[in-house]
PDB file of N, CA and C in Angstrom:
ATOM      1  N   MET A   1       0.845  -1.170   0.000  1.00  0.00           N
ATOM      2  CA  MET A   1       0.000   0.000   0.000  1.00  0.00           C
ATOM      3  C   MET A   1       0.891   1.233   0.000  1.00  0.00           C
ATOM      4  N   SER A   2       0.453   2.240  -0.687  1.00  0.00           N
ATOM      5  CA  SER A   2       1.232   3.473  -0.770  1.00  0.00           C
ATOM      6  C   SER A   2       0.832   4.435   0.342  1.00  0.00           C
ATOM      7  N   ARG A   3       1.751   5.299   0.689  1.00  0.00           N
ATOM      8  CA  ARG A   3       1.447   6.339   1.678  1.00  0.00           C
ATOM      9  C   ARG A   3       0.315   7.235   1.187  1.00  0.00           C
ATOM     10  N   GLU A   4       0.265   7.461  -0.127  1.00  0.00           N
ATOM     11  CA  GLU A   4      -0.801   8.294  -0.687  1.00  0.00           C
ATOM     12  C   GLU A   4      -2.175   7.672  -0.446  1.00  0.00           C
ATOM     13  N   ALA A   5      -2.261   6.345  -0.561  1.00  0.00           N
ATOM     14  CA  ALA A   5      -3.535   5.656  -0.318  1.00  0.00           C
ATOM     15  C   ALA A   5      -3.958   5.807   1.147  1.00  0.00           C
ATOM     16  N   ILE A   6      -3.009   5.728   2.064  1.00  0.00           N
ATOM     17  CA  ILE A   6      -3.314   5.894   3.488  1.00  0.00           C
ATOM     18  C   ILE A   6      -3.770   7.321   3.768  1.00  0.00           C
ATOM     19  N   LEU A   7      -3.045   8.289   3.243  1.00  0.00           N
ATOM     20  CA  LEU A   7      -3.401   9.689   3.476  1.00  0.00           C
ATOM     21  C   LEU A   7      -4.745  10.036   2.839  1.00  0.00           C
ATOM     22  N   ASP A   8      -5.021   9.462   1.675  1.00  0.00           N
ATOM     23  CA  ASP A   8      -6.307   9.680   1.018  1.00  0.00           C
ATOM     24  C   ASP A   8      -7.443   9.076   1.847  1.00  0.00           C
ATOM     25  N   TYR A   9      -7.237   7.882   2.372  1.00  0.00           N
ATOM     26  CA  TYR A   9      -8.241   7.227   3.217  1.00  0.00           C
ATOM     27  C   TYR A   9      -8.526   8.073   4.460  1.00  0.00           C
ATOM     28  N   ALA A  10      -7.475   8.551   5.117  1.00  0.00           N
ATOM     29  CA  ALA A  10      -7.646   9.372   6.326  1.00  0.00           C
ATOM     30  C   ALA A  10      -8.399  10.662   6.011  1.00  0.00           C
ATOM     31  N   LYS A  11      -8.142  11.220   4.864  1.00  0.00           N
ATOM     32  CA  LYS A  11      -8.850  12.449   4.451  1.00  0.00           C
ATOM     33  C   LYS A  11     -10.321  12.156   4.195  1.00  0.00           C
ATOM     34  N   ARG A  12     -10.595  11.101   3.433  1.00  0.00           N
ATOM     35  CA  ARG A  12     -11.991  10.770   3.109  1.00  0.00           C
ATOM     36  C   ARG A  12     -12.794  10.354   4.333  1.00  0.00           C
ATOM     37  N   LYS A  13     -12.222   9.505   5.173  1.00  0.00           N
ATOM     38  CA  LYS A  13     -12.979   8.945   6.291  1.00  0.00           C
ATOM     39  C   LYS A  13     -13.021   9.867   7.501  1.00  0.00           C
ATOM     40  N   TYR A  14     -11.911  10.547   7.802  1.00  0.00           N
ATOM     41  CA  TYR A  14     -11.816  11.322   9.038  1.00  0.00           C
ATOM     42  C   TYR A  14     -11.556  12.811   8.819  1.00  0.00           C
ATOM     43  N   ASP A  15     -11.532  13.232   7.555  1.00  0.00           N
ATOM     44  CA  ASP A  15     -11.253  14.626   7.215  1.00  0.00           C
ATOM     45  C   ASP A  15      -9.935  15.095   7.832  1.00  0.00           C
ATOM     46  N   THR A  16      -8.949  14.206   7.821  1.00  0.00           N
ATOM     47  CA  THR A  16      -7.636  14.500   8.380  1.00  0.00           C
ATOM     48  C   THR A  16      -6.660  14.874   7.271  1.00  0.00           C
ATOM     49  N   ASP A  17      -6.053  16.024   7.426  1.00  0.00           N
ATOM     50  CA  ASP A  17      -4.931  16.401   6.575  1.00  0.00           C
ATOM     51  C   ASP A  17      -3.654  16.050   7.325  1.00  0.00           C
ATOM     52  N   PRO A  18      -2.663  15.484   6.636  1.00  0.00           N
ATOM     53  CA  PRO A  18      -1.428  15.117   7.336  1.00  0.00           C
ATOM     54  C   PRO A  18      -0.703  16.346   7.859  1.00  0.00           C
ATOM     55  N   ASP A  19      -0.033  16.158   8.961  1.00  0.00           N
ATOM     56  CA  ASP A  19       0.785  17.186   9.586  1.00  0.00           C
ATOM     57  C   ASP A  19       2.240  16.747   9.409  1.00  0.00           C
ATOM     58  N   TYR A  20       3.103  17.689   9.075  1.00  0.00           N
ATOM     59  CA  TYR A  20       4.522  17.399   8.878  1.00  0.00           C
ATOM     60  C   TYR A  20       5.324  18.228   9.882  1.00  0.00           C
ATOM     61  N   PRO A  21       5.417  17.764  11.143  1.00  0.00           N
ATOM     62  CA  PRO A  21       5.988  18.600  12.201  1.00  0.00           C
ATOM     63  C   PRO A  21       7.513  18.698  12.236  1.00  0.00           C
ATOM     64  N   TRP A  22       8.219  17.863  11.490  1.00  0.00           N
ATOM     65  CA  TRP A  22       9.675  17.866  11.575  1.00  0.00           C
ATOM     66  C   TRP A  22      10.281  18.288  10.244  1.00  0.00           C
ATOM     67  N   GLY A  23      10.900  19.440  10.226  1.00  0.00           N
ATOM     68  CA  GLY A  23      11.533  19.928   9.006  1.00  0.00           C
ATOM     69  C   GLY A  23      12.599  18.986   8.488  1.00  0.00           C
ATOM     70  N   LYS A  24      13.382  18.422   9.412  1.00  0.00           N
ATOM     71  CA  LYS A  24      14.469  17.522   9.030  1.00  0.00           C
ATOM     72  C   LYS A  24      13.929  16.208   8.456  1.00  0.00           C
ATOM     73  N   LEU A  25      12.755  15.804   8.905  1.00  0.00           N
ATOM     74  CA  LEU A  25      12.117  14.571   8.437  1.00  0.00           C
ATOM     75  C   LEU A  25      10.819  14.950   7.720  1.00  0.00           C
ATOM     76  N   SER A  26      10.964  15.674   6.659  1.00  0.00           N
ATOM     77  CA  SER A  26       9.819  16.302   6.001  1.00  0.00           C
ATOM     78  C   SER A  26       8.836  15.322   5.362  1.00  0.00           C
ATOM     79  N   ASP A  27       9.215  14.045   5.238  1.00  0.00           N
ATOM     80  CA  ASP A  27       8.279  13.077   4.657  1.00  0.00           C
ATOM     81  C   ASP A  27       7.536  12.275   5.731  1.00  0.00           C
ATOM     82  N   TYR A  28       7.765  12.562   7.007  1.00  0.00           N
ATOM     83  CA  TYR A  28       7.047  11.897   8.098  1.00  0.00           C
ATOM     84  C   TYR A  28       5.700  12.594   8.272  1.00  0.00           C
ATOM     85  N   ALA A  29       4.620  11.885   7.988  1.00  0.00           N
ATOM     86  CA  ALA A  29       3.270  12.454   8.019  1.00  0.00           C
ATOM     87  C   ALA A  29       2.514  11.959   9.252  1.00  0.00           C
ATOM     88  N   VAL A  30       2.105  12.873  10.111  1.00  0.00           N
ATOM     89  CA  VAL A  30       1.349  12.553  11.316  1.00  0.00           C
ATOM     90  C   VAL A  30      -0.140  12.738  11.021  1.00  0.00           C
ATOM     91  N   LEU A  31      -0.936  11.759  11.442  1.00  0.00           N
ATOM     92  CA  LEU A  31      -2.392  11.849  11.335  1.00  0.00           C
ATOM     93  C   LEU A  31      -2.930  12.132  12.733  1.00  0.00           C
ATOM     94  N   ARG A  32      -3.637  13.265  12.879  1.00  0.00           N
ATOM     95  CA  ARG A  32      -4.131  13.701  14.183  1.00  0.00           C
ATOM     96  C   ARG A  32      -5.644  13.890  14.151  1.00  0.00           C
ATOM     97  N   HIS A  33      -6.265  13.657  15.319  1.00  0.00           N
ATOM     98  CA  HIS A  33      -7.679  13.987  15.482  1.00  0.00           C
ATOM     99  C   HIS A  33      -7.843  15.498  15.430  1.00  0.00           C
ATOM    100  N   LYS A  34      -8.918  15.942  14.818  1.00  0.00           N
ATOM    101  CA  LYS A  34      -9.188  17.377  14.758  1.00  0.00           C
ATOM    102  C   LYS A  34      -9.565  17.937  16.130  1.00  0.00           C
ATOM    103  N   LYS A  35     -10.295  17.159  16.930  1.00  0.00           N
ATOM    104  CA  LYS A  35     -10.802  17.674  18.207  1.00  0.00           C
ATOM    105  C   LYS A  35      -9.742  17.711  19.306  1.00  0.00           C
ATOM    106  N   ASN A  36      -8.959  16.653  19.452  1.00  0.00           N
ATOM    107  CA  ASN A  36      -8.031  16.583  20.583  1.00  0.00           C
ATOM    108  C   ASN A  36      -6.553  16.616  20.183  1.00  0.00           C
ATOM    109  N   ASN A  37      -6.290  16.639  18.886  1.00  0.00           N
ATOM    110  CA  ASN A  37      -4.920  16.737  18.353  1.00  0.00           C
ATOM    111  C   ASN A  37      -4.060  15.500  18.626  1.00  0.00           C
ATOM    112  N   LYS A  38      -4.664  14.421  19.138  1.00  0.00           N
ATOM    113  CA  LYS A  38      -3.904  13.195  19.399  1.00  0.00           C
ATOM    114  C   LYS A  38      -3.578  12.485  18.095  1.00  0.00           C
ATOM    115  N   TRP A  39      -2.423  11.870  18.077  1.00  0.00           N
ATOM    116  CA  TRP A  39      -1.993  11.093  16.919  1.00  0.00           C
ATOM    117  C   TRP A  39      -2.773   9.790  16.855  1.00  0.00           C
ATOM    118  N   TYR A  40      -3.160   9.399  15.645  1.00  0.00           N
ATOM    119  CA  TYR A  40      -3.681   8.049  15.447  1.00  0.00           C
ATOM    120  C   TYR A  40      -2.920   7.319  14.355  1.00  0.00           C
ATOM    121  N   GLY A  41      -2.008   7.999  13.709  1.00  0.00           N
ATOM    122  CA  GLY A  41      -1.177   7.357  12.697  1.00  0.00           C
ATOM    123  C   GLY A  41       0.061   8.176  12.389  1.00  0.00           C
ATOM    124  N   LEU A  42       1.085   7.478  11.961  1.00  0.00           N
ATOM    125  CA  LEU A  42       2.329   8.121  11.535  1.00  0.00           C
ATOM    126  C   LEU A  42       2.873   7.326  10.356  1.00  0.00           C
ATOM    127  N   VAL A  43       2.993   7.992   9.213  1.00  0.00           N
ATOM    128  CA  VAL A  43       3.515   7.369   8.000  1.00  0.00           C
ATOM    129  C   VAL A  43       4.931   7.887   7.790  1.00  0.00           C
ATOM    130  N   MET A  44       5.879   6.948   7.610  1.00  0.00           N
ATOM    131  CA  MET A  44       7.266   7.364   7.439  1.00  0.00           C
ATOM    132  C   MET A  44       8.054   6.320   6.656  1.00  0.00           C
ATOM    133  N   ASN A  45       9.218   6.722   6.220  1.00  0.00           N
ATOM    134  CA  ASN A  45      10.168   5.815   5.591  1.00  0.00           C
ATOM    135  C   ASN A  45      11.346   5.652   6.541  1.00  0.00           C
ATOM    136  N   VAL A  46      11.710   4.394   6.789  1.00  0.00           N
ATOM    137  CA  VAL A  46      12.756   4.083   7.771  1.00  0.00           C
ATOM    138  C   VAL A  46      13.731   3.087   7.148  1.00  0.00           C
ATOM    139  N   ASP A  47      15.004   3.231   7.504  1.00  0.00           N
ATOM    140  CA  ASP A  47      15.999   2.263   7.042  1.00  0.00           C
ATOM    141  C   ASP A  47      15.626   0.867   7.515  1.00  0.00           C
ATOM    142  N   ARG A  48      15.711  -0.073   6.601  1.00  0.00           N
ATOM    143  CA  ARG A  48      15.361  -1.458   6.923  1.00  0.00           C
ATOM    144  C   ARG A  48      16.168  -2.005   8.105  1.00  0.00           C
ATOM    145  N   ASN A  49      17.445  -1.653   8.177  1.00  0.00           N
ATOM    146  CA  ASN A  49      18.284  -2.192   9.258  1.00  0.00           C
ATOM    147  C   ASN A  49      17.824  -1.702  10.632  1.00  0.00           C
ATOM    148  N   LYS A  50      17.207  -0.528  10.721  1.00  0.00           N
ATOM    149  CA  LYS A  50      16.667  -0.034  11.999  1.00  0.00           C
ATOM    150  C   LYS A  50      15.448  -0.825  12.436  1.00  0.00           C
ATOM    151  N   LEU A  51      14.779  -1.454  11.477  1.00  0.00           N
ATOM    152  CA  LEU A  51      13.585  -2.255  11.763  1.00  0.00           C
ATOM    153  C   LEU A  51      13.898  -3.738  11.908  1.00  0.00           C
ATOM    154  N   GLY A  52      15.142  -4.116  11.608  1.00  0.00           N
ATOM    155  CA  GLY A  52      15.513  -5.527  11.649  1.00  0.00           C
ATOM    156  C   GLY A  52      15.012  -6.294  10.435  1.00  0.00           C
ATOM    157  N   ILE A  53      14.808  -5.587   9.326  1.00  0.00           N
ATOM    158  CA  ILE A  53      14.326  -6.200   8.091  1.00  0.00           C
ATOM    159  C   ILE A  53      15.503  -6.365   7.137  1.00  0.00           C
ATOM    160  N   GLU A  54      15.562  -7.499   6.492  1.00  0.00           N
ATOM    161  CA  GLU A  54      16.640  -7.740   5.531  1.00  0.00           C
ATOM    162  C   GLU A  54      16.512  -6.813   4.337  1.00  0.00           C
ATOM    163  N   GLY A  55      17.648  -6.535   3.726  1.00  0.00           N
ATOM    164  CA  GLY A  55      17.673  -5.718   2.527  1.00  0.00           C
ATOM    165  C   GLY A  55      18.286  -4.357   2.778  1.00  0.00           C
ATOM    166  N   GLU A  56      18.474  -3.649   1.703  1.00  0.00           N
ATOM    167  CA  GLU A  56      19.107  -2.339   1.737  1.00  0.00           C
ATOM    168  C   GLU A  56      18.062  -1.244   1.583  1.00  0.00           C
ATOM    169  N   GLY A  57      18.385  -0.067   2.079  1.00  0.00           N
ATOM    170  CA  GLY A  57      17.555   1.105   1.857  1.00  0.00           C
ATOM    171  C   GLY A  57      16.380   1.214   2.825  1.00  0.00           C
ATOM    172  N   GLU A  58      15.482   2.118   2.476  1.00  0.00           N
ATOM    173  CA  GLU A  58      14.331   2.416   3.322  1.00  0.00           C
ATOM    174  C   GLU A  58      13.100   1.640   2.894  1.00  0.00           C
ATOM    175  N   THR A  59      12.151   1.549   3.824  1.00  0.00           N
ATOM    176  CA  THR A  59      10.842   0.994   3.524  1.00  0.00           C
ATOM    177  C   THR A  59       9.801   1.877   4.203  1.00  0.00           C
ATOM    178  N   GLY A  60       8.615   1.941   3.626  1.00  0.00           N
ATOM    179  CA  GLY A  60       7.532   2.704   4.220  1.00  0.00           C
ATOM    180  C   GLY A  60       6.873   1.911   5.333  1.00  0.00           C
ATOM    181  N   ILE A  61       6.508   2.615   6.408  1.00  0.00           N
ATOM    182  CA  ILE A  61       5.771   1.989   7.496  1.00  0.00           C
ATOM    183  C   ILE A  61       4.654   2.926   7.956  1.00  0.00           C
ATOM    184  N   LEU A  62       3.670   2.330   8.596  1.00  0.00           N
ATOM    185  CA  LEU A  62       2.587   3.061   9.240  1.00  0.00           C
ATOM    186  C   LEU A  62       2.554   2.635  10.697  1.00  0.00           C
ATOM    187  N   ASN A  63       2.702   3.589  11.609  1.00  0.00           N
ATOM    188  CA  ASN A  63       2.537   3.317  13.029  1.00  0.00           C
ATOM    189  C   ASN A  63       1.104   3.609  13.420  1.00  0.00           C
ATOM    190  N   VAL A  64       0.482   2.671  14.139  1.00  0.00           N
ATOM    191  CA  VAL A  64      -0.880   2.857  14.642  1.00  0.00           C
ATOM    192  C   VAL A  64      -0.946   2.381  16.082  1.00  0.00           C
ATOM    193  N   LYS A  65      -1.852   2.989  16.847  1.00  0.00           N
ATOM    194  CA  LYS A  65      -2.089   2.544  18.213  1.00  0.00           C
ATOM    195  C   LYS A  65      -2.911   1.267  18.161  1.00  0.00           C
ATOM    196  N   CYS A  66      -2.655   0.372  19.106  1.00  0.00           N
ATOM    197  CA  CYS A  66      -3.301  -0.932  19.074  1.00  0.00           C
ATOM    198  C   CYS A  66      -3.464  -1.449  20.505  1.00  0.00           C
ATOM    199  N   ASP A  67      -4.557  -2.120  20.767  1.00  0.00           N
ATOM    200  CA  ASP A  67      -4.758  -2.776  22.048  1.00  0.00           C
ATOM    201  C   ASP A  67      -3.575  -3.716  22.287  1.00  0.00           C
ATOM    202  N   PRO A  68      -2.970  -3.698  23.480  1.00  0.00           N
ATOM    203  CA  PRO A  68      -1.787  -4.521  23.736  1.00  0.00           C
ATOM    204  C   PRO A  68      -1.989  -6.015  23.462  1.00  0.00           C
ATOM    205  N   GLU A  69      -3.153  -6.559  23.796  1.00  0.00           N
ATOM    206  CA  GLU A  69      -3.383  -7.989  23.539  1.00  0.00           C
ATOM    207  C   GLU A  69      -3.420  -8.281  22.046  1.00  0.00           C
ATOM    208  N   LEU A  70      -4.098  -7.436  21.284  1.00  0.00           N
ATOM    209  CA  LEU A  70      -4.140  -7.607  19.837  1.00  0.00           C
ATOM    210  C   LEU A  70      -2.755  -7.395  19.240  1.00  0.00           C
ATOM    211  N   ALA A  71      -2.042  -6.403  19.738  1.00  0.00           N
ATOM    212  CA  ALA A  71      -0.702  -6.118  19.225  1.00  0.00           C
ATOM    213  C   ALA A  71       0.225  -7.320  19.382  1.00  0.00           C
ATOM    214  N   SER A  72       0.124  -8.003  20.530  1.00  0.00           N
ATOM    215  CA  SER A  72       0.997  -9.163  20.741  1.00  0.00           C
ATOM    216  C   SER A  72       0.687 -10.277  19.753  1.00  0.00           C
ATOM    217  N   ILE A  73      -0.558 -10.410  19.359  1.00  0.00           N
ATOM    218  CA  ILE A  73      -0.943 -11.408  18.350  1.00  0.00           C
ATOM    219  C   ILE A  73      -0.474 -10.974  16.961  1.00  0.00           C
ATOM    220  N   LEU A  74      -0.711  -9.711  16.630  1.00  0.00           N
ATOM    221  CA  LEU A  74      -0.353  -9.209  15.306  1.00  0.00           C
ATOM    222  C   LEU A  74       1.143  -9.235  15.050  1.00  0.00           C
ATOM    223  N   ARG A  75       1.938  -9.021  16.087  1.00  0.00           N
ATOM    224  CA  ARG A  75       3.392  -9.001  15.910  1.00  0.00           C
ATOM    225  C   ARG A  75       3.953 -10.350  15.483  1.00  0.00           C
ATOM    226  N   LYS A  76       3.150 -11.389  15.574  1.00  0.00           N
ATOM    227  CA  LYS A  76       3.582 -12.708  15.107  1.00  0.00           C
ATOM    228  C   LYS A  76       3.446 -12.823  13.592  1.00  0.00           C
ATOM    229  N   GLU A  77       2.699 -11.898  12.983  1.00  0.00           N
ATOM    230  CA  GLU A  77       2.527 -11.893  11.530  1.00  0.00           C
ATOM    231  C   GLU A  77       3.726 -11.236  10.866  1.00  0.00           C
ATOM    232  N   ASN A  78       3.941 -11.632   9.636  1.00  0.00           N
ATOM    233  CA  ASN A  78       4.980 -11.013   8.842  1.00  0.00           C
ATOM    234  C   ASN A  78       4.582  -9.562   8.560  1.00  0.00           C
ATOM    235  N   ALA A  79       5.517  -8.647   8.651  1.00  0.00           N
ATOM    236  CA  ALA A  79       5.344  -7.242   8.295  1.00  0.00           C
ATOM    237  C   ALA A  79       4.583  -6.418   9.332  1.00  0.00           C
ATOM    238  N   ILE A  80       4.356  -6.969  10.531  1.00  0.00           N
ATOM    239  CA  ILE A  80       3.832  -6.172  11.642  1.00  0.00           C
ATOM    240  C   ILE A  80       4.844  -6.292  12.775  1.00  0.00           C
ATOM    241  N   LEU A  81       5.374  -5.135  13.179  1.00  0.00           N
ATOM    242  CA  LEU A  81       6.514  -5.080  14.091  1.00  0.00           C
ATOM    243  C   LEU A  81       6.183  -4.257  15.329  1.00  0.00           C
ATOM    244  N   PRO A  82       6.989  -4.416  16.388  1.00  0.00           N
ATOM    245  CA  PRO A  82       6.871  -3.455  17.482  1.00  0.00           C
ATOM    246  C   PRO A  82       7.092  -2.054  16.905  1.00  0.00           C
ATOM    247  N   ALA A  83       6.365  -1.100  17.394  1.00  0.00           N
ATOM    248  CA  ALA A  83       6.399   0.244  16.797  1.00  0.00           C
ATOM    249  C   ALA A  83       7.803   0.837  16.779  1.00  0.00           C
ATOM    250  N   TYR A  84       8.149   1.388  15.636  1.00  0.00           N
ATOM    251  CA  TYR A  84       9.418   2.088  15.505  1.00  0.00           C
ATOM    252  C   TYR A  84       9.296   3.443  16.195  1.00  0.00           C
ATOM    253  N   HIS A  85      10.149   3.679  17.165  1.00  0.00           N
ATOM    254  CA  HIS A  85      10.302   4.973  17.822  1.00  0.00           C
ATOM    255  C   HIS A  85       9.065   5.413  18.627  1.00  0.00           C
ATOM    256  N   MET A  86       8.254   4.434  19.074  1.00  0.00           N
ATOM    257  CA  MET A  86       7.076   4.743  19.882  1.00  0.00           C
ATOM    258  C   MET A  86       6.895   3.659  20.936  1.00  0.00           C
ATOM    259  N   ASN A  87       5.926   3.831  21.815  1.00  0.00           N
ATOM    260  CA  ASN A  87       5.628   2.862  22.855  1.00  0.00           C
ATOM    261  C   ASN A  87       5.319   1.519  22.218  1.00  0.00           C
ATOM    262  N   LYS A  88       6.122   0.528  22.491  1.00  0.00           N
ATOM    263  CA  LYS A  88       6.002  -0.763  21.808  1.00  0.00           C
ATOM    264  C   LYS A  88       4.899  -1.647  22.375  1.00  0.00           C
ATOM    265  N   GLU A  89       4.361  -1.298  23.529  1.00  0.00           N
ATOM    266  CA  GLU A  89       3.235  -2.061  24.071  1.00  0.00           C
ATOM    267  C   GLU A  89       1.925  -1.635  23.409  1.00  0.00           C
ATOM    268  N   HIS A  90       1.796  -0.342  23.126  1.00  0.00           N
ATOM    269  CA  HIS A  90       0.528   0.198  22.648  1.00  0.00           C
ATOM    270  C   HIS A  90       0.523   0.592  21.168  1.00  0.00           C
ATOM    271  N   TRP A  91       1.651   0.475  20.499  1.00  0.00           N
ATOM    272  CA  TRP A  91       1.732   0.863  19.090  1.00  0.00           C
ATOM    273  C   TRP A  91       2.416  -0.246  18.297  1.00  0.00           C
ATOM    274  N   ILE A  92       2.052  -0.359  17.036  1.00  0.00           N
ATOM    275  CA  ILE A  92       2.696  -1.297  16.119  1.00  0.00           C
ATOM    276  C   ILE A  92       3.114  -0.552  14.861  1.00  0.00           C
ATOM    277  N   SER A  93       4.074  -1.108  14.155  1.00  0.00           N
ATOM    278  CA  SER A  93       4.479  -0.615  12.839  1.00  0.00           C
ATOM    279  C   SER A  93       4.056  -1.640  11.800  1.00  0.00           C
ATOM    280  N   ILE A  94       3.407  -1.166  10.774  1.00  0.00           N
ATOM    281  CA  ILE A  94       2.994  -2.016   9.658  1.00  0.00           C
ATOM    282  C   ILE A  94       3.896  -1.684   8.474  1.00  0.00           C
ATOM    283  N   VAL A  95       4.592  -2.673   7.970  1.00  0.00           N
ATOM    284  CA  VAL A  95       5.473  -2.460   6.818  1.00  0.00           C
ATOM    285  C   VAL A  95       4.598  -2.378   5.572  1.00  0.00           C
ATOM    286  N   LEU A  96       4.790  -1.320   4.806  1.00  0.00           N
ATOM    287  CA  LEU A  96       3.949  -1.058   3.633  1.00  0.00           C
ATOM    288  C   LEU A  96       4.585  -1.634   2.368  1.00  0.00           C
ATOM    289  N   ASP A  97       4.769  -2.949   2.370  1.00  0.00           N
ATOM    290  CA  ASP A  97       5.407  -3.617   1.231  1.00  0.00           C
ATOM    291  C   ASP A  97       4.465  -4.576   0.508  1.00  0.00           C
ATOM    292  N   GLY A  98       3.177  -4.526   0.855  1.00  0.00           N
ATOM    293  CA  GLY A  98       2.204  -5.421   0.229  1.00  0.00           C
ATOM    294  C   GLY A  98       1.953  -6.695   1.012  1.00  0.00           C
ATOM    295  N   SER A  99       2.701  -6.924   2.089  1.00  0.00           N
ATOM    296  CA  SER A  99       2.521  -8.138   2.891  1.00  0.00           C
ATOM    297  C   SER A  99       1.232  -8.120   3.703  1.00  0.00           C
ATOM    298  N   VAL A 100       0.769  -6.931   4.070  1.00  0.00           N
ATOM    299  CA  VAL A 100      -0.475  -6.769   4.823  1.00  0.00           C
ATOM    300  C   VAL A 100      -1.508  -6.197   3.862  1.00  0.00           C
ATOM    301  N   SER A 101      -2.696  -6.793   3.846  1.00  0.00           N
ATOM    302  CA  SER A 101      -3.724  -6.358   2.895  1.00  0.00           C
ATOM    303  C   SER A 101      -4.180  -4.928   3.184  1.00  0.00           C
ATOM    304  N   ASP A 102      -4.651  -4.260   2.145  1.00  0.00           N
ATOM    305  CA  ASP A 102      -5.183  -2.910   2.295  1.00  0.00           C
ATOM    306  C   ASP A 102      -6.312  -2.893   3.316  1.00  0.00           C
ATOM    307  N   GLU A 103      -7.182  -3.903   3.261  1.00  0.00           N
ATOM    308  CA  GLU A 103      -8.319  -3.969   4.183  1.00  0.00           C
ATOM    309  C   GLU A 103      -7.848  -4.035   5.629  1.00  0.00           C
ATOM    310  N   GLU A 104      -6.819  -4.839   5.908  1.00  0.00           N
ATOM    311  CA  GLU A 104      -6.310  -4.949   7.273  1.00  0.00           C
ATOM    312  C   GLU A 104      -5.647  -3.652   7.722  1.00  0.00           C
ATOM    313  N   ILE A 105      -4.916  -3.021   6.824  1.00  0.00           N
ATOM    314  CA  ILE A 105      -4.284  -1.739   7.164  1.00  0.00           C
ATOM    315  C   ILE A 105      -5.343  -0.705   7.506  1.00  0.00           C
ATOM    316  N   PHE A 106      -6.383  -0.600   6.687  1.00  0.00           N
ATOM    317  CA  PHE A 106      -7.448   0.370   6.962  1.00  0.00           C
ATOM    318  C   PHE A 106      -8.166   0.028   8.266  1.00  0.00           C
ATOM    319  N   HIS A 107      -8.384  -1.256   8.518  1.00  0.00           N
ATOM    320  CA  HIS A 107      -9.039  -1.674   9.759  1.00  0.00           C
ATOM    321  C   HIS A 107      -8.193  -1.279  10.974  1.00  0.00           C
ATOM    322  N   LEU A 108      -6.888  -1.497  10.905  1.00  0.00           N
ATOM    323  CA  LEU A 108      -6.008  -1.140  12.011  1.00  0.00           C
ATOM    324  C   LEU A 108      -5.922   0.371  12.192  1.00  0.00           C
ATOM    325  N   LEU A 109      -5.979   1.119  11.100  1.00  0.00           N
ATOM    326  CA  LEU A 109      -6.003   2.579  11.201  1.00  0.00           C
ATOM    327  C   LEU A 109      -7.309   3.033  11.866  1.00  0.00           C
ATOM    328  N   ASP A 110      -8.427   2.381  11.515  1.00  0.00           N
ATOM    329  CA  ASP A 110      -9.712   2.692  12.151  1.00  0.00           C
ATOM    330  C   ASP A 110      -9.673   2.395  13.644  1.00  0.00           C
ATOM    331  N   LEU A 111      -9.105   1.264  14.020  1.00  0.00           N
ATOM    332  CA  LEU A 111      -8.987   0.917  15.444  1.00  0.00           C
ATOM    333  C   LEU A 111      -8.144   1.954  16.180  1.00  0.00           C
ATOM    334  N   SER A 112      -7.067   2.377  15.556  1.00  0.00           N
ATOM    335  CA  SER A 112      -6.199   3.370  16.168  1.00  0.00           C
ATOM    336  C   SER A 112      -6.951   4.693  16.351  1.00  0.00           C
ATOM    337  N   TYR A 113      -7.713   5.070  15.354  1.00  0.00           N
ATOM    338  CA  TYR A 113      -8.522   6.293  15.449  1.00  0.00           C
ATOM    339  C   TYR A 113      -9.462   6.202  16.654  1.00  0.00           C
ATOM    340  N   ASP A 114     -10.131   5.076  16.792  1.00  0.00           N
ATOM    341  CA  ASP A 114     -11.068   4.882  17.906  1.00  0.00           C
ATOM    342  C   ASP A 114     -10.359   4.877  19.258  1.00  0.00           C
ATOM    343  N   LEU A 115      -9.189   4.271  19.337  1.00  0.00           N
ATOM    344  CA  LEU A 115      -8.446   4.195  20.593  1.00  0.00           C
ATOM    345  C   LEU A 115      -7.915   5.550  21.058  1.00  0.00           C
ATOM    346  N   THR A 116      -7.756   6.477  20.142  1.00  0.00           N
ATOM    347  CA  THR A 116      -7.137   7.762  20.480  1.00  0.00           C
ATOM    348  C   THR A 116      -8.133   8.911  20.573  1.00  0.00           C
ATOM    349  N   GLN A 117      -9.412   8.607  20.547  1.00  0.00           N
ATOM    350  CA  GLN A 117     -10.424   9.674  20.655  1.00  0.00           C
ATOM    351  C   GLN A 117     -10.475  10.241  22.043  1.00  0.00           C
TER     352      GLN A 117
END
């Protein structure tokens, strides 16, 4: 799944425009609630070696908040990792390489939105 598809979904479903709070990391897109400003998603590109993934270069990931029990189950799947650079009990990183279906990614983004209201 592409970052554009995620950002388009967030705009259509939640009327969320991405926020780019870090000048140095200008491609890191934060998805925030309009009412409380809490994050429910973070789209970024990260070096594979920082994620423990084989291969060279960067890969796209989506960080979402997740119930800890569900997160522990999901982390057993390929392409779902402990969250990069966030609380690893309550957040997961989804590798955007096609290993996780679009439907599952959107469902997890919806769950994250609900958890952060």
